[in-house]
Protein backbone atom coordinates (compact mmCIF):
# COMPACT_ATOMS: atom_id res chain seq x y z
CA MET A 1 -4.84 32.17 7.59
CA SER A 2 -1.97 29.73 8.22
CA GLU A 3 -0.77 26.77 6.16
CA ILE A 4 -2.75 23.53 6.30
CA ALA A 5 -1.02 20.82 8.29
CA ILE A 6 -1.42 17.47 6.57
CA SER A 7 1.09 14.76 7.34
CA LEU A 8 2.79 12.48 4.86
CA ASN A 9 1.61 9.53 6.96
CA GLN A 10 -1.99 10.63 6.45
CA LEU A 11 -1.42 10.84 2.71
CA ARG A 12 0.47 7.54 2.58
CA GLY A 13 -2.58 5.95 4.18
CA MET A 14 -4.35 6.75 0.90
CA ILE A 15 -2.08 4.46 -1.14
CA GLY A 16 -4.23 1.73 -2.67
CA ILE A 17 -7.48 3.69 -2.42
CA GLU A 18 -9.59 3.60 -5.56
CA LEU A 19 -10.87 6.97 -6.77
CA ARG A 20 -12.70 8.54 -9.65
CA TYR A 21 -10.98 11.48 -11.37
CA ASN A 22 -12.20 13.04 -14.62
CA ASN A 23 -14.92 10.36 -14.68
CA LYS A 24 -12.29 7.61 -14.87
CA ALA A 25 -11.42 5.01 -12.23
CA CYS A 26 -7.92 5.28 -10.82
CA GLN A 27 -5.87 4.30 -7.78
CA VAL A 28 -3.41 6.16 -5.53
CA VAL A 29 -0.05 4.46 -6.13
CA GLU A 30 2.44 6.82 -4.43
CA VAL A 31 2.84 10.01 -2.40
CA LEU A 32 5.48 12.58 -3.31
CA GLU A 33 6.80 14.67 -0.41
CA ASP A 34 7.43 17.73 -2.55
CA GLY A 35 4.15 19.55 -2.78
CA PRO A 36 2.87 17.17 -1.40
CA SER A 37 1.34 15.35 -4.36
CA LEU A 38 -0.51 12.12 -4.98
CA VAL A 39 0.49 9.87 -7.86
CA LEU A 40 -2.61 8.38 -9.47
CA GLN A 41 -2.83 5.62 -12.05
CA TYR A 42 -5.84 4.97 -14.28
CA PHE A 43 -7.05 1.37 -14.42
CA GLU A 44 -7.48 1.41 -18.19
CA ASN A 45 -4.41 1.10 -20.38
CA ASP A 46 -3.14 3.73 -22.77
CA ILE A 47 -0.78 3.26 -25.72
CA GLN A 48 2.76 4.28 -24.79
CA LYS A 49 4.97 5.66 -27.55
CA ASN A 50 8.64 4.82 -27.87
CA GLN A 51 11.41 7.42 -28.30
CA HIS A 52 10.55 7.72 -32.01
CA GLY A 53 6.87 8.39 -31.41
CA ASN A 54 5.70 4.97 -32.59
CA ALA A 55 3.07 3.01 -30.67
CA HIS A 56 4.96 0.57 -28.50
CA ARG A 57 2.86 -1.03 -25.76
CA ARG A 58 -0.23 -0.59 -23.62
CA VAL A 59 0.37 0.74 -20.10
CA PRO A 60 -1.81 2.51 -17.51
CA GLU A 61 -1.49 6.30 -17.53
CA THR A 62 0.13 7.72 -14.38
CA PHE A 63 -0.07 11.36 -13.29
CA CYS A 64 0.38 13.62 -10.23
CA ILE A 65 -2.06 15.93 -8.52
CA SER A 66 -1.20 18.51 -5.91
CA VAL A 67 -2.81 18.08 -2.50
CA LEU A 68 -2.54 21.74 -1.46
CA SER A 69 -3.29 24.99 -3.27
CA ALA A 70 -0.41 27.13 -4.54
CA ASP A 71 -0.38 29.23 -1.34
CA LYS A 72 -0.55 26.04 0.82
CA LYS A 73 -3.43 27.53 2.83
CA GLU A 74 -6.14 25.16 1.62
CA LEU A 75 -6.65 21.85 -0.15
CA SER A 76 -6.38 22.08 -3.93
CA GLU A 77 -9.53 22.04 -6.04
CA VAL A 78 -8.25 18.97 -7.90
CA PHE A 79 -7.71 17.06 -4.65
CA LEU A 80 -11.18 18.04 -3.44
CA SER A 81 -12.70 16.86 -6.76
CA LEU A 82 -11.58 13.25 -6.22
CA ASP A 83 -14.45 10.84 -5.55
CA LEU A 84 -14.01 7.62 -3.59
CA ILE A 85 -15.15 4.45 -5.36
CA ASP A 86 -17.26 2.18 -3.15
């Protein structure tokens, strides 16, 4: 089985799409070429700590998910688990 061919342009077309991940609403905000990976941002805010570990401000949590599996032969389970929000 060969590697999956998915273009960065296809992934960049996902920027702005609203999804559900871990039963929370989020949005695709960026595509990272290395991986490739999607950068997702939850809509709800989380408390961000400063360098001393003290609560500082409320910001949306941002995180990355890999689009392909480790062997790059199929889509990752995490990517496949994303649900589109109507």
